[in-house]
């Protein structure tokens, strides 16, 4: 059972890291929290000599959690209106209208 918790914790930590790098927003919290819970369960099931790997997975998961939290709080996505494109669109419509009237 301990090995299963370790494997799942690593998989969810990796998935959380991928979601943290990609612009997925706050959806990255779910796999990271699952990785933390599974790492804690692996530590709980392990003997004293076997707790080294789950501790590292827990530390890495906490670092990824901190990264995602900072990214969600401080990085703001802004949508900028492209005025030049809008003007070209209006000009294109007016030219098409003139061509149709000329027929």
PDB file of N, CA and C in Angstrom:
ATOM      1  N   UNK A   1       0.821  -1.196   0.000  1.00  0.00           N
ATOM      2  CA  UNK A   1       0.000   0.000   0.000  1.00  0.00           C
ATOM      3  C   UNK A   1       0.868   1.264   0.000  1.00  0.00           C
ATOM      4  N   UNK A   2       2.005   1.149   0.683  1.00  0.00           N
ATOM      5  CA  UNK A   2       2.907   2.290   0.764  1.00  0.00           C
ATOM      6  C   UNK A   2       3.459   2.640  -0.611  1.00  0.00           C
ATOM      7  N   UNK A   3       3.800   1.625  -1.399  1.00  0.00           N
ATOM      8  CA  UNK A   3       4.330   1.859  -2.740  1.00  0.00           C
ATOM      9  C   UNK A   3       3.284   2.507  -3.637  1.00  0.00           C
ATOM     10  N   UNK A   4       2.049   2.080  -3.499  1.00  0.00           N
ATOM     11  CA  UNK A   4       0.965   2.677  -4.283  1.00  0.00           C
ATOM     12  C   UNK A   4       0.796   4.152  -3.936  1.00  0.00           C
ATOM     13  N   UNK A   5       0.840   4.473  -2.637  1.00  0.00           N
ATOM     14  CA  UNK A   5       0.736   5.878  -2.225  1.00  0.00           C
ATOM     15  C   UNK A   5       1.906   6.692  -2.774  1.00  0.00           C
ATOM     16  N   UNK A   6       3.103   6.111  -2.746  1.00  0.00           N
ATOM     17  CA  UNK A   6       4.277   6.813  -3.281  1.00  0.00           C
ATOM     18  C   UNK A   6       4.138   7.073  -4.776  1.00  0.00           C
ATOM     19  N   UNK A   7       3.735   6.058  -5.519  1.00  0.00           N
ATOM     20  CA  UNK A   7       3.600   6.209  -6.968  1.00  0.00           C
ATOM     21  C   UNK A   7       2.529   7.231  -7.316  1.00  0.00           C
ATOM     22  N   UNK A   8       1.378   7.128  -6.660  1.00  0.00           N
ATOM     23  CA  UNK A   8       0.296   8.082  -6.937  1.00  0.00           C
ATOM     24  C   UNK A   8       0.676   9.503  -6.535  1.00  0.00           C
ATOM     25  N   UNK A   9       1.413   9.645  -5.445  1.00  0.00           N
ATOM     26  CA  UNK A   9       1.845  10.978  -5.017  1.00  0.00           C
ATOM     27  C   UNK A   9       2.788  11.596  -6.054  1.00  0.00           C
ATOM     28  N   UNK A  10       3.688  10.796  -6.596  1.00  0.00           N
ATOM     29  CA  UNK A  10       4.611  11.304  -7.619  1.00  0.00           C
ATOM     30  C   UNK A  10       3.842  11.667  -8.885  1.00  0.00           C
ATOM     31  N   UNK A  11       2.893  10.831  -9.288  1.00  0.00           N
ATOM     32  CA  UNK A  11       2.112  11.107 -10.495  1.00  0.00           C
ATOM     33  C   UNK A  11       1.320  12.398 -10.337  1.00  0.00           C
ATOM     34  N   UNK A  12       0.648  12.560  -9.201  1.00  0.00           N
ATOM     35  CA  UNK A  12      -0.142  13.770  -8.998  1.00  0.00           C
ATOM     36  C   UNK A  12       0.741  15.006  -8.832  1.00  0.00           C
ATOM     37  N   UNK A  13       1.914  14.855  -8.252  1.00  0.00           N
ATOM     38  CA  UNK A  13       2.839  15.994  -8.158  1.00  0.00           C
ATOM     39  C   UNK A  13       3.316  16.412  -9.543  1.00  0.00           C
ATOM     40  N   UNK A  14       3.611  15.439 -10.390  1.00  0.00           N
ATOM     41  CA  UNK A  14       4.034  15.758 -11.762  1.00  0.00           C
ATOM     42  C   UNK A  14       2.900  16.413 -12.541  1.00  0.00           C
ATOM     43  N   UNK A  15       1.698  15.904 -12.367  1.00  0.00           N
ATOM     44  CA  UNK A  15       0.536  16.501 -13.027  1.00  0.00           C
ATOM     45  C   UNK A  15       0.296  17.926 -12.528  1.00  0.00           C
ATOM     46  N   UNK A  16       0.470  18.141 -11.250  1.00  0.00           N
ATOM     47  CA  UNK A  16       0.354  19.488 -10.698  1.00  0.00           C
ATOM     48  C   UNK A  16       1.407  20.433 -11.234  1.00  0.00           C
ATOM     49  N   UNK A  17       2.616  19.925 -11.429  1.00  0.00           N
ATOM     50  CA  UNK A  17       3.681  20.747 -12.004  1.00  0.00           C
ATOM     51  C   UNK A  17       3.357  21.122 -13.443  1.00  0.00           C
ATOM     52  N   UNK A  18       2.834  20.182 -14.205  1.00  0.00           N
ATOM     53  CA  UNK A  18       2.449  20.463 -15.600  1.00  0.00           C
ATOM     54  C   UNK A  18       1.346  21.512 -15.625  1.00  0.00           C
ATOM     55  N   UNK A  19       0.350  21.369 -14.754  1.00  0.00           N
ATOM     56  CA  UNK A  19      -0.732  22.356 -14.701  1.00  0.00           C
ATOM     57  C   UNK A  19      -0.230  23.710 -14.216  1.00  0.00           C
ATOM     58  N   UNK A  20       0.785  23.719 -13.367  1.00  0.00           N
ATOM     59  CA  UNK A  20       1.339  24.985 -12.883  1.00  0.00           C
ATOM     60  C   UNK A  20       2.080  25.718 -13.995  1.00  0.00           C
ATOM     61  N   UNK A  21       2.750  24.977 -14.859  1.00  0.00           N
ATOM     62  CA  UNK A  21       3.496  25.600 -15.953  1.00  0.00           C
ATOM     63  C   UNK A  21       2.552  26.091 -17.043  1.00  0.00           C
ATOM     64  N   UNK A  22       1.563  25.274 -17.374  1.00  0.00           N
ATOM     65  CA  UNK A  22       0.590  25.668 -18.386  1.00  0.00           C
ATOM     66  C   UNK A  22      -0.365  26.711 -17.812  1.00  0.00           C
ATOM     67  N   UNK A  23      -0.972  27.526 -18.652  1.00  0.00           N
ATOM     68  CA  UNK A  23      -1.910  28.536 -18.130  1.00  0.00           C
ATOM     69  C   UNK A  23      -3.271  27.924 -17.800  1.00  0.00           C
ATOM     70  N   UNK A  24      -3.310  27.076 -16.795  1.00  0.00           N
ATOM     71  CA  UNK A  24      -4.537  26.378 -16.424  1.00  0.00           C
ATOM     72  C   UNK A  24      -5.265  27.054 -15.265  1.00  0.00           C
ATOM     73  N   UNK A  25      -4.698  28.097 -14.701  1.00  0.00           N
ATOM     74  CA  UNK A  25      -5.354  28.787 -13.604  1.00  0.00           C
ATOM     75  C   UNK A  25      -5.271  27.995 -12.316  1.00  0.00           C
ATOM     76  N   UNK A  26      -6.360  27.969 -11.588  1.00  0.00           N
ATOM     77  CA  UNK A  26      -6.357  27.344 -10.270  1.00  0.00           C
ATOM     78  C   UNK A  26      -6.704  25.866 -10.304  1.00  0.00           C
ATOM     79  N   UNK A  27      -6.832  25.270 -11.482  1.00  0.00           N
ATOM     80  CA  UNK A  27      -7.124  23.843 -11.570  1.00  0.00           C
ATOM     81  C   UNK A  27      -5.936  23.005 -11.092  1.00  0.00           C
ATOM     82  N   UNK A  28      -4.759  23.584 -11.011  1.00  0.00           N
ATOM     83  CA  UNK A  28      -3.567  22.867 -10.566  1.00  0.00           C
ATOM     84  C   UNK A  28      -3.619  22.538  -9.078  1.00  0.00           C
ATOM     85  N   UNK A  29      -4.487  23.202  -8.331  1.00  0.00           N
ATOM     86  CA  UNK A  29      -4.579  22.922  -6.897  1.00  0.00           C
ATOM     87  C   UNK A  29      -5.055  21.499  -6.617  1.00  0.00           C
ATOM     88  N   UNK A  30      -5.933  20.970  -7.436  1.00  0.00           N
ATOM     89  CA  UNK A  30      -6.494  19.644  -7.187  1.00  0.00           C
ATOM     90  C   UNK A  30      -5.431  18.537  -7.190  1.00  0.00           C
ATOM     91  N   UNK A  31      -4.626  18.379  -8.238  1.00  0.00           N
ATOM     92  CA  UNK A  31      -3.623  17.307  -8.168  1.00  0.00           C
ATOM     93  C   UNK A  31      -2.538  17.551  -7.126  1.00  0.00           C
ATOM     94  N   UNK A  32      -2.241  18.807  -6.842  1.00  0.00           N
ATOM     95  CA  UNK A  32      -1.207  19.088  -5.848  1.00  0.00           C
ATOM     96  C   UNK A  32      -1.689  18.709  -4.455  1.00  0.00           C
ATOM     97  N   UNK A  33      -2.922  19.033  -4.145  1.00  0.00           N
ATOM     98  CA  UNK A  33      -3.471  18.677  -2.832  1.00  0.00           C
ATOM     99  C   UNK A  33      -3.578  17.156  -2.708  1.00  0.00           C
ATOM    100  N   UNK A  34      -3.960  16.489  -3.797  1.00  0.00           N
ATOM    101  CA  UNK A  34      -3.986  15.021  -3.764  1.00  0.00           C
ATOM    102  C   UNK A  34      -2.581  14.454  -3.552  1.00  0.00           C
ATOM    103  N   UNK A  35      -1.579  15.043  -4.170  1.00  0.00           N
ATOM    104  CA  UNK A  35      -0.195  14.590  -3.988  1.00  0.00           C
ATOM    105  C   UNK A  35       0.250  14.773  -2.539  1.00  0.00           C
ATOM    106  N   UNK A  36      -0.130  15.880  -1.927  1.00  0.00           N
ATOM    107  CA  UNK A  36       0.234  16.123  -0.529  1.00  0.00           C
ATOM    108  C   UNK A  36      -0.436  15.102   0.377  1.00  0.00           C
ATOM    109  N   UNK A  37      -1.709  14.852   0.156  1.00  0.00           N
ATOM    110  CA  UNK A  37      -2.437  13.875   0.983  1.00  0.00           C
ATOM    111  C   UNK A  37      -1.836  12.480   0.814  1.00  0.00           C
ATOM    112  N   UNK A  38      -1.536  12.091  -0.420  1.00  0.00           N
ATOM    113  CA  UNK A  38      -0.964  10.768  -0.658  1.00  0.00           C
ATOM    114  C   UNK A  38       0.450  10.649  -0.080  1.00  0.00           C
ATOM    115  N   UNK A  39       1.228  11.712  -0.132  1.00  0.00           N
ATOM    116  CA  UNK A  39       2.564  11.682   0.466  1.00  0.00           C
ATOM    117  C   UNK A  39       2.468  11.549   1.983  1.00  0.00           C
ATOM    118  N   UNK A  40       1.503  12.225   2.581  1.00  0.00           N
ATOM    119  CA  UNK A  40       1.307  12.082   4.026  1.00  0.00           C
ATOM    120  C   UNK A  40       0.863  10.672   4.386  1.00  0.00           C
ATOM    121  N   UNK A  41      -0.013  10.087   3.573  1.00  0.00           N
ATOM    122  CA  UNK A  41      -0.424   8.705   3.819  1.00  0.00           C
ATOM    123  C   UNK A  41       0.748   7.741   3.651  1.00  0.00           C
ATOM    124  N   UNK A  42       1.607   7.983   2.685  1.00  0.00           N
ATOM    125  CA  UNK A  42       2.789   7.142   2.492  1.00  0.00           C
ATOM    126  C   UNK A  42       3.742   7.267   3.675  1.00  0.00           C
ATOM    127  N   UNK A  43       3.883   8.461   4.213  1.00  0.00           N
ATOM    128  CA  UNK A  43       4.726   8.640   5.396  1.00  0.00           C
ATOM    129  C   UNK A  43       4.129   7.915   6.593  1.00  0.00           C
ATOM    130  N   UNK A  44       2.832   7.944   6.698  1.00  0.00           N
ATOM    131  CA  UNK A  44       2.148   7.312   7.822  1.00  0.00           C
ATOM    132  C   UNK A  44       2.295   5.787   7.755  1.00  0.00           C
ATOM    133  N   UNK A  45       2.271   5.226   6.549  1.00  0.00           N
ATOM    134  CA  UNK A  45       2.385   3.777   6.367  1.00  0.00           C
ATOM    135  C   UNK A  45       3.835   3.282   6.410  1.00  0.00           C
ATOM    136  N   UNK A  46       4.809   4.175   6.329  1.00  0.00           N
ATOM    137  CA  UNK A  46       6.213   3.779   6.238  1.00  0.00           C
ATOM    138  C   UNK A  46       6.847   3.610   7.615  1.00  0.00           C
ATOM    139  N   UNK A  47       7.909   2.819   7.618  1.00  0.00           N
ATOM    140  CA  UNK A  47       8.746   2.708   8.813  1.00  0.00           C
ATOM    141  C   UNK A  47       9.650   3.939   8.868  1.00  0.00           C
ATOM    142  N   UNK A  48      10.396   4.063   9.953  1.00  0.00           N
ATOM    143  CA  UNK A  48      11.285   5.218  10.088  1.00  0.00           C
ATOM    144  C   UNK A  48      12.351   5.260   9.005  1.00  0.00           C
ATOM    145  N   UNK A  49      12.837   4.116   8.570  1.00  0.00           N
ATOM    146  CA  UNK A  49      13.882   4.096   7.551  1.00  0.00           C
ATOM    147  C   UNK A  49      13.331   4.315   6.141  1.00  0.00           C
ATOM    148  N   UNK A  50      12.015   4.215   5.964  1.00  0.00           N
ATOM    149  CA  UNK A  50      11.400   4.346   4.643  1.00  0.00           C
ATOM    150  C   UNK A  50      10.720   5.694   4.426  1.00  0.00           C
ATOM    151  N   UNK A  51      10.892   6.620   5.312  1.00  0.00           N
ATOM    152  CA  UNK A  51      10.179   7.901   5.222  1.00  0.00           C
ATOM    153  C   UNK A  51      10.900   8.959   4.403  1.00  0.00           C
ATOM    154  N   UNK A  52      12.074   8.656   3.890  1.00  0.00           N
ATOM    155  CA  UNK A  52      12.854   9.662   3.168  1.00  0.00           C
ATOM    156  C   UNK A  52      12.185  10.061   1.856  1.00  0.00           C
ATOM    157  N   UNK A  53      11.766   9.102   1.036  1.00  0.00           N
ATOM    158  CA  UNK A  53      11.147   9.402  -0.259  1.00  0.00           C
ATOM    159  C   UNK A  53       9.821  10.142  -0.110  1.00  0.00           C
ATOM    160  N   UNK A  54       8.907   9.698   0.767  1.00  0.00           N
ATOM    161  CA  UNK A  54       7.659  10.468   0.917  1.00  0.00           C
ATOM    162  C   UNK A  54       7.887  11.894   1.424  1.00  0.00           C
ATOM    163  N   UNK A  55       8.938  12.093   2.233  1.00  0.00           N
ATOM    164  CA  UNK A  55       9.252  13.452   2.692  1.00  0.00           C
ATOM    165  C   UNK A  55       9.649  14.339   1.517  1.00  0.00           C
ATOM    166  N   UNK A  56      10.460  13.798   0.599  1.00  0.00           N
ATOM    167  CA  UNK A  56      10.870  14.585  -0.571  1.00  0.00           C
ATOM    168  C   UNK A  56       9.691  14.881  -1.482  1.00  0.00           C
ATOM    169  N   UNK A  57       8.819  13.915  -1.655  1.00  0.00           N
ATOM    170  CA  UNK A  57       7.621  14.158  -2.467  1.00  0.00           C
ATOM    171  C   UNK A  57       6.751  15.219  -1.813  1.00  0.00           C
ATOM    172  N   UNK A  58       6.653  15.175  -0.494  1.00  0.00           N
ATOM    173  CA  UNK A  58       5.870  16.182   0.229  1.00  0.00           C
ATOM    174  C   UNK A  58       6.495  17.571   0.095  1.00  0.00           C
ATOM    175  N   UNK A  59       7.793  17.665   0.196  1.00  0.00           N
ATOM    176  CA  UNK A  59       8.480  18.958   0.058  1.00  0.00           C
ATOM    177  C   UNK A  59       8.295  19.513  -1.358  1.00  0.00           C
ATOM    178  N   UNK A  60       8.448  18.664  -2.355  1.00  0.00           N
ATOM    179  CA  UNK A  60       8.278  19.103  -3.745  1.00  0.00           C
ATOM    180  C   UNK A  60       6.833  19.527  -4.004  1.00  0.00           C
ATOM    181  N   UNK A  61       5.883  18.789  -3.464  1.00  0.00           N
ATOM    182  CA  UNK A  61       4.467  19.142  -3.637  1.00  0.00           C
ATOM    183  C   UNK A  61       4.140  20.469  -2.969  1.00  0.00           C
ATOM    184  N   UNK A  62       4.713  20.704  -1.809  1.00  0.00           N
ATOM    185  CA  UNK A  62       4.498  21.988  -1.125  1.00  0.00           C
ATOM    186  C   UNK A  62       5.114  23.139  -1.931  1.00  0.00           C
ATOM    187  N   UNK A  63       6.277  22.911  -2.540  1.00  0.00           N
ATOM    188  CA  UNK A  63       6.901  23.951  -3.358  1.00  0.00           C
ATOM    189  C   UNK A  63       6.040  24.252  -4.585  1.00  0.00           C
ATOM    190  N   UNK A  64       5.485  23.229  -5.193  1.00  0.00           N
ATOM    191  CA  UNK A  64       4.607  23.437  -6.349  1.00  0.00           C
ATOM    192  C   UNK A  64       3.332  24.151  -5.921  1.00  0.00           C
ATOM    193  N   UNK A  65       2.820  23.803  -4.746  1.00  0.00           N
ATOM    194  CA  UNK A  65       1.635  24.490  -4.212  1.00  0.00           C
ATOM    195  C   UNK A  65       1.928  25.977  -4.001  1.00  0.00           C
ATOM    196  N   UNK A  66       3.089  26.284  -3.476  1.00  0.00           N
ATOM    197  CA  UNK A  66       3.479  27.684  -3.294  1.00  0.00           C
ATOM    198  C   UNK A  66       3.601  28.397  -4.641  1.00  0.00           C
ATOM    199  N   UNK A  67       4.182  27.723  -5.625  1.00  0.00           N
ATOM    200  CA  UNK A  67       4.328  28.293  -6.966  1.00  0.00           C
ATOM    201  C   UNK A  67       2.964  28.610  -7.579  1.00  0.00           C
ATOM    202  N   UNK A  68       2.043  27.688  -7.490  1.00  0.00           N
ATOM    203  CA  UNK A  68       0.709  27.897  -8.061  1.00  0.00           C
ATOM    204  C   UNK A  68      -0.024  29.011  -7.327  1.00  0.00           C
ATOM    205  N   UNK A  69       0.105  29.044  -6.006  1.00  0.00           N
ATOM    206  CA  UNK A  69      -0.554  30.100  -5.235  1.00  0.00           C
ATOM    207  C   UNK A  69      -0.026  31.476  -5.624  1.00  0.00           C
ATOM    208  N   UNK A  70       1.276  31.606  -5.745  1.00  0.00           N
ATOM    209  CA  UNK A  70       1.866  32.893  -6.156  1.00  0.00           C
ATOM    210  C   UNK A  70       1.416  33.253  -7.567  1.00  0.00           C
ATOM    211  N   UNK A  71       1.381  32.271  -8.443  1.00  0.00           N
ATOM    212  CA  UNK A  71       0.972  32.528  -9.824  1.00  0.00           C
ATOM    213  C   UNK A  71      -0.484  32.978  -9.899  1.00  0.00           C
ATOM    214  N   UNK A  72      -1.357  32.349  -9.135  1.00  0.00           N
ATOM    215  CA  UNK A  72      -2.775  32.712  -9.162  1.00  0.00           C
ATOM    216  C   UNK A  72      -3.001  34.089  -8.552  1.00  0.00           C
ATOM    217  N   UNK A  73      -2.284  34.394  -7.478  1.00  0.00           N
ATOM    218  CA  UNK A  73      -2.510  35.660  -6.780  1.00  0.00           C
ATOM    219  C   UNK A  73      -1.885  36.848  -7.511  1.00  0.00           C
ATOM    220  N   UNK A  74      -0.656  36.690  -8.003  1.00  0.00           N
ATOM    221  CA  UNK A  74       0.073  37.851  -8.511  1.00  0.00           C
ATOM    222  C   UNK A  74       0.062  38.025 -10.023  1.00  0.00           C
ATOM    223  N   UNK A  75      -0.160  36.979 -10.780  1.00  0.00           N
ATOM    224  CA  UNK A  75      -0.129  37.098 -12.237  1.00  0.00           C
ATOM    225  C   UNK A  75      -1.552  37.315 -12.736  1.00  0.00           C
ATOM    226  N   UNK A  76      -1.756  38.441 -13.378  1.00  0.00           N
ATOM    227  CA  UNK A  76      -3.080  38.787 -13.906  1.00  0.00           C
ATOM    228  C   UNK A  76      -3.040  38.689 -15.428  1.00  0.00           C
ATOM    229  N   UNK A  77      -4.009  37.985 -15.970  1.00  0.00           N
ATOM    230  CA  UNK A  77      -4.126  37.880 -17.424  1.00  0.00           C
ATOM    231  C   UNK A  77      -4.998  39.026 -17.919  1.00  0.00           C
ATOM    232  N   UNK A  78      -4.503  39.751 -18.906  1.00  0.00           N
ATOM    233  CA  UNK A  78      -5.242  40.877 -19.450  1.00  0.00           C
ATOM    234  C   UNK A  78      -5.504  40.649 -20.930  1.00  0.00           C
ATOM    235  N   UNK A  79      -6.690  41.020 -21.349  1.00  0.00           N
ATOM    236  CA  UNK A  79      -7.052  40.950 -22.755  1.00  0.00           C
ATOM    237  C   UNK A  79      -7.020  42.368 -23.298  1.00  0.00           C
ATOM    238  N   UNK A  80      -6.227  42.585 -24.335  1.00  0.00           N
ATOM    239  CA  UNK A  80      -6.071  43.908 -24.918  1.00  0.00           C
ATOM    240  C   UNK A  80      -6.830  43.934 -26.240  1.00  0.00           C
ATOM    241  N   UNK A  81      -7.618  45.002 -26.433  1.00  0.00           N
ATOM    242  CA  UNK A  81      -8.374  45.157 -27.666  1.00  0.00           C
ATOM    243  C   UNK A  81      -7.439  45.666 -28.747  1.00  0.00           C
ATOM    244  N   UNK A  82      -7.452  45.011 -29.888  1.00  0.00           N
ATOM    245  CA  UNK A  82      -6.592  45.394 -31.004  1.00  0.00           C
ATOM    246  C   UNK A  82      -7.359  46.399 -31.868  1.00  0.00           C
ATOM    247  N   UNK A  83      -7.065  47.670 -31.673  1.00  0.00           N
ATOM    248  CA  UNK A  83      -7.766  48.737 -32.381  1.00  0.00           C
ATOM    249  C   UNK A  83      -7.475  48.699 -33.886  1.00  0.00           C
ATOM    250  N   UNK A  84      -6.258  48.379 -34.260  1.00  0.00           N
ATOM    251  CA  UNK A  84      -5.902  48.349 -35.676  1.00  0.00           C
ATOM    252  C   UNK A  84      -6.705  47.269 -36.403  1.00  0.00           C
ATOM    253  N   UNK A  85      -6.848  46.112 -35.807  1.00  0.00           N
ATOM    254  CA  UNK A  85      -7.632  45.041 -36.415  1.00  0.00           C
ATOM    255  C   UNK A  85      -9.089  45.449 -36.541  1.00  0.00           C
ATOM    256  N   UNK A  86      -9.615  46.095 -35.520  1.00  0.00           N
ATOM    257  CA  UNK A  86     -11.017  46.525 -35.565  1.00  0.00           C
ATOM    258  C   UNK A  86     -11.228  47.539 -36.691  1.00  0.00           C
ATOM    259  N   UNK A  87     -10.276  48.470 -36.871  1.00  0.00           N
ATOM    260  CA  UNK A  87     -10.388  49.465 -37.931  1.00  0.00           C
ATOM    261  C   UNK A  87     -10.293  48.802 -39.302  1.00  0.00           C
ATOM    262  N   UNK A  88      -9.385  47.843 -39.459  1.00  0.00           N
ATOM    263  CA  UNK A  88      -9.268  47.122 -40.727  1.00  0.00           C
ATOM    264  C   UNK A  88     -10.542  46.337 -41.035  1.00  0.00           C
ATOM    265  N   UNK A  89     -11.164  45.805 -40.031  1.00  0.00           N
ATOM    266  CA  UNK A  89     -12.413  45.072 -40.208  1.00  0.00           C
ATOM    267  C   UNK A  89     -13.519  46.002 -40.698  1.00  0.00           C
ATOM    268  N   UNK A  90     -13.612  47.193 -40.098  1.00  0.00           N
ATOM    269  CA  UNK A  90     -14.622  48.169 -40.517  1.00  0.00           C
ATOM    270  C   UNK A  90     -14.340  48.630 -41.943  1.00  0.00           C
ATOM    271  N   UNK A  91     -13.073  48.897 -42.260  1.00  0.00           N
ATOM    272  CA  UNK A  91     -12.702  49.322 -43.617  1.00  0.00           C
ATOM    273  C   UNK A  91     -13.036  48.228 -44.633  1.00  0.00           C
ATOM    274  N   UNK A  92     -12.766  46.990 -44.293  1.00  0.00           N
ATOM    275  CA  UNK A  92     -13.048  45.876 -45.191  1.00  0.00           C
ATOM    276  C   UNK A  92     -14.547  45.759 -45.455  1.00  0.00           C
ATOM    277  N   UNK A  93     -15.351  45.963 -44.433  1.00  0.00           N
ATOM    278  CA  UNK A  93     -16.805  45.895 -44.603  1.00  0.00           C
ATOM    279  C   UNK A  93     -17.306  47.033 -45.492  1.00  0.00           C
ATOM    280  N   UNK A  94     -16.740  48.218 -45.292  1.00  0.00           N
ATOM    281  CA  UNK A  94     -17.191  49.350 -46.097  1.00  0.00           C
ATOM    282  C   UNK A  94     -16.764  49.168 -47.565  1.00  0.00           C
ATOM    283  N   UNK A  95     -15.568  48.617 -47.808  1.00  0.00           N
ATOM    284  CA  UNK A  95     -15.144  48.353 -49.189  1.00  0.00           C
ATOM    285  C   UNK A  95     -16.005  47.287 -49.828  1.00  0.00           C
ATOM    286  N   UNK A  96     -16.369  46.274 -49.096  1.00  0.00           N
ATOM    287  CA  UNK A  96     -17.248  45.233 -49.641  1.00  0.00           C
ATOM    288  C   UNK A  96     -18.622  45.809 -49.961  1.00  0.00           C
ATOM    289  N   UNK A  97     -19.097  46.707 -49.105  1.00  0.00           N
ATOM    290  CA  UNK A  97     -20.405  47.357 -49.350  1.00  0.00           C
ATOM    291  C   UNK A  97     -20.359  48.183 -50.624  1.00  0.00           C
ATOM    292  N   UNK A  98     -19.263  48.928 -50.823  1.00  0.00           N
ATOM    293  CA  UNK A  98     -19.122  49.746 -52.029  1.00  0.00           C
ATOM    294  C   UNK A  98     -19.034  48.886 -53.292  1.00  0.00           C
ATOM    295  N   UNK A  99     -18.348  47.750 -53.210  1.00  0.00           N
ATOM    296  CA  UNK A  99     -18.239  46.862 -54.345  1.00  0.00           C
ATOM    297  C   UNK A  99     -19.626  46.277 -54.717  1.00  0.00           C
ATOM    298  N   UNK A 100     -20.384  45.939 -53.691  1.00  0.00           N
ATOM    299  CA  UNK A 100     -21.727  45.385 -53.950  1.00  0.00           C
ATOM    300  C   UNK A 100     -22.648  46.439 -54.551  1.00  0.00           C
ATOM    301  N   UNK A 101     -22.520  47.690 -54.107  1.00  0.00           N
ATOM    302  CA  UNK A 101     -23.356  48.761 -54.651  1.00  0.00           C
ATOM    303  C   UNK A 101     -22.958  49.067 -56.096  1.00  0.00           C
ATOM    304  N   UNK A 102     -21.685  48.852 -56.445  1.00  0.00           N
ATOM    305  CA  UNK A 102     -21.206  49.114 -57.791  1.00  0.00           C
ATOM    306  C   UNK A 102     -21.700  48.095 -58.804  1.00  0.00           C
ATOM    307  N   UNK A 103     -22.141  46.926 -58.328  1.00  0.00           N
ATOM    308  CA  UNK A 103     -22.651  45.911 -59.243  1.00  0.00           C
ATOM    309  C   UNK A 103     -24.040  46.287 -59.633  1.00  0.00           C
TER     310      UNK A 103
END
